[in-house]
Amino acid sequence: MGAGSVLCGNTLVGHSSRVGRQFQCNWYSYVGHDCDIGDFVTFAPRVNCNGNVSIGDFAYIGTGATLRNGEGGKPLRIGEGAVVGMAAVVTRDVAPHTTVVGNPARVLERSVVLPASCPSSPPRRAPGEAAGP
């Protein structure tokens, strides 16, 4: 169990699972056997994370979502920064920085993540500063 992790009431983490730092596991959620949960991952209430699932850092799993078991020794993968919508049923891997919804889960949106030093990033404004012309 990673430092700073929080397990709310009626939650469960199965055997042989690894949980990263600052994991938030809300009411009635569970992590099945042989799962690998990254750092700063949040489970909303009633998330069902079945066995052999790997979740990248900064992922968010919505209320009532179900993450199916990985198959044949290969874990089901939820990428870094991915968002799984409320009540989604994930049966296939989710790419990093992707939002999925529905049953079965399908891609709603892919986010582009630019480093702050990237020349194409918009200029940063001070708090309260008005947008440019």
N, C-alpha and C. Protein backbone atom coordinates (compact mmCIF):
# COMPACT_ATOMS: atom_id res chain seq x y z
N MET A 1 0.86 -1.18 0.00
CA MET A 1 0.00 0.00 0.00
C MET A 1 0.90 1.23 0.00
N GLY A 2 0.69 2.12 -1.00
CA GLY A 2 1.53 3.30 -1.13
C GLY A 2 1.25 4.35 -0.05
N ALA A 3 2.25 5.16 0.20
CA ALA A 3 2.14 6.23 1.20
C ALA A 3 1.01 7.18 0.84
N GLY A 4 0.23 7.56 1.82
CA GLY A 4 -0.84 8.54 1.63
C GLY A 4 -2.10 7.99 0.99
N SER A 5 -2.18 6.69 0.79
CA SER A 5 -3.37 6.09 0.18
C SER A 5 -4.52 6.08 1.17
N VAL A 6 -5.75 6.18 0.64
CA VAL A 6 -6.94 6.22 1.48
C VAL A 6 -7.91 5.16 0.98
N LEU A 7 -8.34 4.28 1.88
CA LEU A 7 -9.37 3.29 1.57
C LEU A 7 -10.59 3.64 2.42
N CYS A 8 -11.68 4.02 1.77
CA CYS A 8 -12.91 4.35 2.49
C CYS A 8 -13.59 3.07 2.96
N GLY A 9 -14.70 3.22 3.67
CA GLY A 9 -15.41 2.07 4.22
C GLY A 9 -15.87 1.10 3.15
N ASN A 10 -15.90 -0.18 3.52
CA ASN A 10 -16.38 -1.26 2.66
C ASN A 10 -15.61 -1.36 1.34
N THR A 11 -14.30 -1.17 1.42
CA THR A 11 -13.44 -1.37 0.25
C THR A 11 -12.56 -2.58 0.49
N LEU A 12 -11.98 -3.10 -0.59
CA LEU A 12 -11.16 -4.30 -0.49
C LEU A 12 -10.03 -4.23 -1.51
N VAL A 13 -8.84 -4.66 -1.10
CA VAL A 13 -7.71 -4.82 -2.02
C VAL A 13 -7.31 -6.29 -1.95
N GLY A 14 -7.36 -6.96 -3.10
CA GLY A 14 -7.09 -8.38 -3.17
C GLY A 14 -5.61 -8.73 -3.02
N HIS A 15 -5.34 -10.03 -2.91
CA HIS A 15 -3.97 -10.50 -2.71
C HIS A 15 -3.12 -10.26 -3.96
N SER A 16 -1.85 -10.14 -3.76
CA SER A 16 -0.85 -9.94 -4.82
C SER A 16 -1.08 -8.67 -5.63
N SER A 17 -1.75 -7.69 -5.06
CA SER A 17 -1.96 -6.41 -5.74
C SER A 17 -1.00 -5.38 -5.20
N ARG A 18 -0.55 -4.48 -6.08
CA ARG A 18 0.34 -3.39 -5.69
C ARG A 18 -0.42 -2.09 -5.86
N VAL A 19 -0.38 -1.25 -4.82
CA VAL A 19 -1.09 0.03 -4.84
C VAL A 19 -0.07 1.14 -4.67
N GLY A 20 -0.10 2.13 -5.57
CA GLY A 20 0.85 3.23 -5.53
C GLY A 20 0.50 4.30 -4.50
N ARG A 21 1.27 5.38 -4.54
CA ARG A 21 1.10 6.49 -3.60
C ARG A 21 -0.20 7.25 -3.87
N GLN A 22 -0.81 7.76 -2.82
CA GLN A 22 -1.97 8.65 -2.87
C GLN A 22 -3.16 8.06 -3.63
N PHE A 23 -3.34 6.74 -3.54
CA PHE A 23 -4.50 6.08 -4.15
C PHE A 23 -5.72 6.40 -3.32
N GLN A 24 -6.82 6.80 -3.98
CA GLN A 24 -8.08 7.10 -3.30
C GLN A 24 -9.10 6.05 -3.73
N CYS A 25 -9.50 5.19 -2.81
CA CYS A 25 -10.47 4.13 -3.10
C CYS A 25 -11.75 4.45 -2.34
N ASN A 26 -12.77 4.91 -3.05
CA ASN A 26 -14.01 5.35 -2.41
C ASN A 26 -14.92 4.18 -2.04
N TRP A 27 -16.01 4.51 -1.35
CA TRP A 27 -16.96 3.57 -0.78
C TRP A 27 -17.33 2.44 -1.74
N TYR A 28 -17.36 1.23 -1.20
CA TYR A 28 -17.82 0.02 -1.89
C TYR A 28 -17.04 -0.32 -3.15
N SER A 29 -15.82 0.14 -3.28
CA SER A 29 -14.98 -0.20 -4.42
C SER A 29 -14.04 -1.34 -4.04
N TYR A 30 -13.55 -2.05 -5.04
CA TYR A 30 -12.56 -3.08 -4.74
C TYR A 30 -11.53 -3.21 -5.85
N VAL A 31 -10.37 -3.69 -5.44
CA VAL A 31 -9.26 -4.00 -6.33
C VAL A 31 -9.06 -5.50 -6.23
N GLY A 32 -9.22 -6.20 -7.34
CA GLY A 32 -9.10 -7.66 -7.35
C GLY A 32 -7.66 -8.13 -7.23
N HIS A 33 -7.45 -9.41 -7.42
CA HIS A 33 -6.14 -10.03 -7.30
C HIS A 33 -5.20 -9.60 -8.42
N ASP A 34 -3.91 -9.58 -8.14
CA ASP A 34 -2.86 -9.35 -9.14
C ASP A 34 -3.02 -8.05 -9.92
N CYS A 35 -3.48 -7.00 -9.27
CA CYS A 35 -3.63 -5.69 -9.93
C CYS A 35 -2.44 -4.80 -9.59
N ASP A 36 -2.17 -3.86 -10.47
CA ASP A 36 -1.08 -2.90 -10.29
C ASP A 36 -1.69 -1.51 -10.45
N ILE A 37 -1.85 -0.79 -9.35
CA ILE A 37 -2.48 0.53 -9.34
C ILE A 37 -1.38 1.57 -9.20
N GLY A 38 -1.32 2.52 -10.14
CA GLY A 38 -0.27 3.54 -10.14
C GLY A 38 -0.47 4.59 -9.05
N ASP A 39 0.37 5.61 -9.11
CA ASP A 39 0.31 6.71 -8.15
C ASP A 39 -0.80 7.69 -8.52
N PHE A 40 -1.42 8.28 -7.51
CA PHE A 40 -2.43 9.34 -7.68
C PHE A 40 -3.64 8.88 -8.50
N VAL A 41 -4.04 7.63 -8.34
CA VAL A 41 -5.21 7.08 -9.01
C VAL A 41 -6.41 7.27 -8.09
N THR A 42 -7.58 7.59 -8.68
CA THR A 42 -8.80 7.76 -7.91
C THR A 42 -9.87 6.81 -8.41
N PHE A 43 -10.49 6.06 -7.49
CA PHE A 43 -11.67 5.26 -7.77
C PHE A 43 -12.84 5.99 -7.14
N ALA A 44 -13.86 6.33 -7.93
CA ALA A 44 -15.11 6.86 -7.39
C ALA A 44 -15.82 5.71 -6.67
N PRO A 45 -16.96 5.95 -6.02
CA PRO A 45 -17.66 4.87 -5.34
C PRO A 45 -18.08 3.73 -6.27
N ARG A 46 -18.08 2.52 -5.73
CA ARG A 46 -18.57 1.30 -6.38
C ARG A 46 -17.83 0.89 -7.64
N VAL A 47 -16.53 1.13 -7.70
CA VAL A 47 -15.72 0.67 -8.83
C VAL A 47 -15.38 -0.80 -8.63
N ASN A 48 -15.53 -1.59 -9.68
CA ASN A 48 -15.21 -3.01 -9.65
C ASN A 48 -13.98 -3.23 -10.52
N CYS A 49 -12.84 -3.35 -9.90
CA CYS A 49 -11.59 -3.59 -10.61
C CYS A 49 -11.23 -5.05 -10.43
N ASN A 50 -11.59 -5.87 -11.42
CA ASN A 50 -11.38 -7.31 -11.32
C ASN A 50 -9.91 -7.65 -11.46
N GLY A 51 -9.56 -8.91 -11.38
CA GLY A 51 -8.17 -9.34 -11.33
C GLY A 51 -7.36 -9.06 -12.57
N ASN A 52 -6.04 -8.94 -12.36
CA ASN A 52 -5.06 -8.79 -13.44
C ASN A 52 -5.30 -7.53 -14.26
N VAL A 53 -5.36 -6.39 -13.58
CA VAL A 53 -5.57 -5.08 -14.21
C VAL A 53 -4.40 -4.18 -13.82
N SER A 54 -3.90 -3.41 -14.79
CA SER A 54 -2.82 -2.46 -14.55
C SER A 54 -3.33 -1.06 -14.86
N ILE A 55 -3.22 -0.15 -13.88
CA ILE A 55 -3.73 1.22 -14.05
C ILE A 55 -2.57 2.19 -13.89
N GLY A 56 -2.38 3.06 -14.90
CA GLY A 56 -1.29 4.03 -14.89
C GLY A 56 -1.54 5.18 -13.92
N ASP A 57 -0.50 5.94 -13.65
CA ASP A 57 -0.57 7.09 -12.75
C ASP A 57 -1.63 8.10 -13.22
N PHE A 58 -2.25 8.78 -12.26
CA PHE A 58 -3.18 9.88 -12.49
C PHE A 58 -4.46 9.48 -13.21
N ALA A 59 -4.82 8.21 -13.24
CA ALA A 59 -6.06 7.78 -13.87
C ALA A 59 -7.23 8.04 -12.92
N TYR A 60 -8.42 8.23 -13.51
CA TYR A 60 -9.65 8.41 -12.74
C TYR A 60 -10.67 7.39 -13.23
N ILE A 61 -11.23 6.63 -12.31
CA ILE A 61 -12.22 5.61 -12.65
C ILE A 61 -13.55 6.04 -12.03
N GLY A 62 -14.56 6.27 -12.87
CA GLY A 62 -15.84 6.83 -12.44
C GLY A 62 -16.73 5.86 -11.68
N THR A 63 -17.74 6.42 -11.04
CA THR A 63 -18.68 5.67 -10.21
C THR A 63 -19.30 4.49 -10.95
N GLY A 64 -19.25 3.34 -10.32
CA GLY A 64 -19.90 2.16 -10.87
C GLY A 64 -19.22 1.53 -12.07
N ALA A 65 -18.03 1.98 -12.42
CA ALA A 65 -17.32 1.40 -13.56
C ALA A 65 -16.86 -0.02 -13.23
N THR A 66 -16.78 -0.86 -14.26
CA THR A 66 -16.29 -2.22 -14.11
C THR A 66 -15.10 -2.40 -15.04
N LEU A 67 -13.99 -2.85 -14.49
CA LEU A 67 -12.80 -3.15 -15.26
C LEU A 67 -12.68 -4.67 -15.29
N ARG A 68 -12.91 -5.27 -16.45
CA ARG A 68 -12.90 -6.73 -16.59
C ARG A 68 -11.51 -7.31 -16.35
N ASN A 69 -11.46 -8.60 -16.08
CA ASN A 69 -10.18 -9.30 -15.85
C ASN A 69 -9.30 -9.24 -17.08
N GLY A 70 -7.98 -9.16 -16.85
CA GLY A 70 -7.03 -9.38 -17.93
C GLY A 70 -7.10 -10.85 -18.32
N GLU A 71 -6.66 -11.17 -19.55
CA GLU A 71 -6.77 -12.55 -20.03
C GLU A 71 -5.43 -13.13 -20.43
N GLY A 72 -5.30 -14.43 -20.25
CA GLY A 72 -4.14 -15.16 -20.72
C GLY A 72 -2.81 -14.64 -20.20
N GLY A 73 -2.77 -14.21 -18.96
CA GLY A 73 -1.53 -13.70 -18.39
C GLY A 73 -1.23 -12.26 -18.78
N LYS A 74 -2.02 -11.65 -19.64
CA LYS A 74 -1.82 -10.26 -20.05
C LYS A 74 -2.83 -9.39 -19.31
N PRO A 75 -2.36 -8.41 -18.54
CA PRO A 75 -3.31 -7.58 -17.79
C PRO A 75 -4.10 -6.64 -18.70
N LEU A 76 -5.30 -6.29 -18.28
CA LEU A 76 -6.06 -5.21 -18.90
C LEU A 76 -5.35 -3.93 -18.48
N ARG A 77 -5.03 -3.05 -19.42
CA ARG A 77 -4.26 -1.84 -19.11
C ARG A 77 -5.10 -0.58 -19.27
N ILE A 78 -5.05 0.25 -18.22
CA ILE A 78 -5.65 1.58 -18.26
C ILE A 78 -4.47 2.54 -18.22
N GLY A 79 -4.31 3.35 -19.28
CA GLY A 79 -3.12 4.19 -19.41
C GLY A 79 -3.06 5.36 -18.45
N GLU A 80 -1.89 5.94 -18.36
CA GLU A 80 -1.64 7.11 -17.51
C GLU A 80 -2.59 8.24 -17.90
N GLY A 81 -3.22 8.86 -16.90
CA GLY A 81 -4.09 10.00 -17.12
C GLY A 81 -5.40 9.68 -17.80
N ALA A 82 -5.74 8.40 -17.95
CA ALA A 82 -6.99 8.02 -18.59
C ALA A 82 -8.17 8.30 -17.66
N VAL A 83 -9.35 8.48 -18.25
CA VAL A 83 -10.58 8.67 -17.49
C VAL A 83 -11.59 7.62 -17.97
N VAL A 84 -12.12 6.86 -17.02
CA VAL A 84 -13.17 5.89 -17.32
C VAL A 84 -14.46 6.46 -16.77
N GLY A 85 -15.45 6.64 -17.64
CA GLY A 85 -16.70 7.28 -17.25
C GLY A 85 -17.57 6.42 -16.34
N MET A 86 -18.54 7.09 -15.75
CA MET A 86 -19.48 6.46 -14.82
C MET A 86 -20.17 5.27 -15.48
N ALA A 87 -20.19 4.14 -14.80
CA ALA A 87 -20.87 2.90 -15.21
C ALA A 87 -20.30 2.28 -16.49
N ALA A 88 -19.13 2.71 -16.93
CA ALA A 88 -18.51 2.11 -18.11
C ALA A 88 -18.07 0.69 -17.80
N VAL A 89 -18.10 -0.17 -18.81
CA VAL A 89 -17.61 -1.53 -18.68
C VAL A 89 -16.42 -1.66 -19.62
N VAL A 90 -15.23 -1.72 -19.04
CA VAL A 90 -13.99 -1.74 -19.82
C VAL A 90 -13.59 -3.19 -20.08
N THR A 91 -13.55 -3.56 -21.36
CA THR A 91 -13.20 -4.92 -21.76
C THR A 91 -11.90 -4.96 -22.53
N ARG A 92 -11.39 -3.79 -22.95
CA ARG A 92 -10.13 -3.70 -23.72
C ARG A 92 -9.25 -2.62 -23.12
N ASP A 93 -7.97 -2.63 -23.47
CA ASP A 93 -7.03 -1.64 -22.98
C ASP A 93 -7.50 -0.22 -23.32
N VAL A 94 -7.18 0.72 -22.43
CA VAL A 94 -7.47 2.15 -22.63
C VAL A 94 -6.14 2.87 -22.76
N ALA A 95 -5.97 3.61 -23.85
CA ALA A 95 -4.71 4.32 -24.11
C ALA A 95 -4.51 5.44 -23.09
N PRO A 96 -3.26 5.87 -22.88
CA PRO A 96 -3.01 7.00 -21.97
C PRO A 96 -3.76 8.26 -22.43
N HIS A 97 -4.21 9.05 -21.47
CA HIS A 97 -4.86 10.35 -21.71
C HIS A 97 -6.08 10.22 -22.61
N THR A 98 -6.85 9.16 -22.42
CA THR A 98 -8.04 8.90 -23.21
C THR A 98 -9.23 8.77 -22.26
N THR A 99 -10.39 9.28 -22.68
CA THR A 99 -11.63 9.15 -21.92
C THR A 99 -12.50 8.12 -22.61
N VAL A 100 -12.98 7.14 -21.85
CA VAL A 100 -13.88 6.13 -22.39
C VAL A 100 -15.19 6.12 -21.61
N VAL A 101 -16.29 5.79 -22.31
CA VAL A 101 -17.62 5.73 -21.69
C VAL A 101 -18.40 4.58 -22.30
N GLY A 102 -19.45 4.14 -21.61
CA GLY A 102 -20.40 3.19 -22.18
C GLY A 102 -20.13 1.74 -21.84
N ASN A 103 -21.04 0.89 -22.40
CA ASN A 103 -20.98 -0.55 -22.20
C ASN A 103 -21.19 -1.22 -23.55
N PRO A 104 -20.13 -1.76 -24.13
CA PRO A 104 -18.74 -1.74 -23.69
C PRO A 104 -18.13 -0.35 -23.86
N ALA A 105 -17.09 -0.08 -23.10
CA ALA A 105 -16.47 1.25 -23.12
C ALA A 105 -15.91 1.55 -24.50
N ARG A 106 -16.13 2.79 -24.97
CA ARG A 106 -15.59 3.25 -26.25
C ARG A 106 -15.00 4.63 -26.05
N VAL A 107 -14.11 5.01 -26.94
CA VAL A 107 -13.39 6.27 -26.81
C VAL A 107 -14.34 7.45 -27.02
N LEU A 108 -14.31 8.38 -26.08
CA LEU A 108 -15.06 9.62 -26.19
C LEU A 108 -14.11 10.74 -26.61
N GLU A 109 -12.90 10.74 -26.03
CA GLU A 109 -11.97 11.84 -26.27
C GLU A 109 -10.54 11.39 -26.00
N ARG A 110 -9.62 11.93 -26.79
CA ARG A 110 -8.19 11.74 -26.54
C ARG A 110 -7.61 13.10 -26.25
N SER A 111 -6.83 13.20 -25.19
CA SER A 111 -6.22 14.48 -24.81
C SER A 111 -4.80 14.55 -25.32
N VAL A 112 -4.40 15.74 -25.72
CA VAL A 112 -3.01 15.98 -26.10
C VAL A 112 -2.34 16.62 -24.90
N VAL A 113 -1.25 16.03 -24.46
CA VAL A 113 -0.54 16.56 -23.30
C VAL A 113 0.76 17.17 -23.79
N LEU A 114 0.91 18.49 -23.61
CA LEU A 114 2.12 19.19 -24.02
C LEU A 114 2.93 19.57 -22.80
N PRO A 115 4.22 19.36 -22.83
CA PRO A 115 5.05 19.82 -21.71
C PRO A 115 5.06 21.34 -21.66
N ALA A 116 5.25 21.89 -20.48
CA ALA A 116 5.23 23.34 -20.31
C ALA A 116 6.30 24.03 -21.15
N SER A 117 7.38 23.33 -21.47
CA SER A 117 8.47 23.94 -22.23
C SER A 117 8.27 23.84 -23.74
N CYS A 118 7.17 23.23 -24.18
CA CYS A 118 6.92 23.05 -25.61
C CYS A 118 6.66 24.40 -26.27
N PRO A 119 7.33 24.72 -27.41
CA PRO A 119 7.13 26.01 -28.06
C PRO A 119 5.70 26.24 -28.53
N SER A 120 4.94 25.19 -28.79
CA SER A 120 3.57 25.39 -29.26
C SER A 120 2.57 25.52 -28.12
N SER A 121 3.04 25.46 -26.87
CA SER A 121 2.14 25.65 -25.73
C SER A 121 1.70 27.11 -25.67
N PRO A 122 0.44 27.37 -25.31
CA PRO A 122 0.00 28.76 -25.18
C PRO A 122 0.76 29.44 -24.05
N PRO A 123 0.98 30.75 -24.17
CA PRO A 123 1.71 31.45 -23.10
C PRO A 123 0.92 31.39 -21.79
N ARG A 124 1.62 31.31 -20.70
CA ARG A 124 0.97 31.26 -19.39
C ARG A 124 0.64 32.67 -18.93
N ARG A 125 -0.55 32.82 -18.31
CA ARG A 125 -0.97 34.11 -17.80
C ARG A 125 -0.95 34.08 -16.28
N ALA A 126 -0.72 35.23 -15.71
CA ALA A 126 -0.78 35.36 -14.26
C ALA A 126 -2.24 35.28 -13.83
N PRO A 127 -2.52 34.81 -12.60
CA PRO A 127 -3.90 34.76 -12.14
C PRO A 127 -4.56 36.13 -12.24
N GLY A 128 -5.76 36.18 -12.81
CA GLY A 128 -6.50 37.42 -12.96
C GLY A 128 -6.14 38.22 -14.20
N GLU A 129 -5.10 37.83 -14.91
CA GLU A 129 -4.69 38.53 -16.12
C GLU A 129 -5.66 38.20 -17.25
N ALA A 130 -6.06 39.20 -18.00
CA ALA A 130 -6.99 39.00 -19.11
C ALA A 130 -6.31 38.30 -20.27
N ALA A 131 -7.11 37.58 -21.04
CA ALA A 131 -6.58 36.90 -22.23
C ALA A 131 -6.15 37.96 -23.26
N GLY A 132 -5.23 37.58 -24.13
CA GLY A 132 -4.72 38.49 -25.16
C GLY A 132 -5.77 38.87 -26.18
N PRO A 133 -5.36 39.72 -27.16
CA PRO A 133 -6.32 40.24 -28.17
C PRO A 133 -6.95 39.18 -29.00
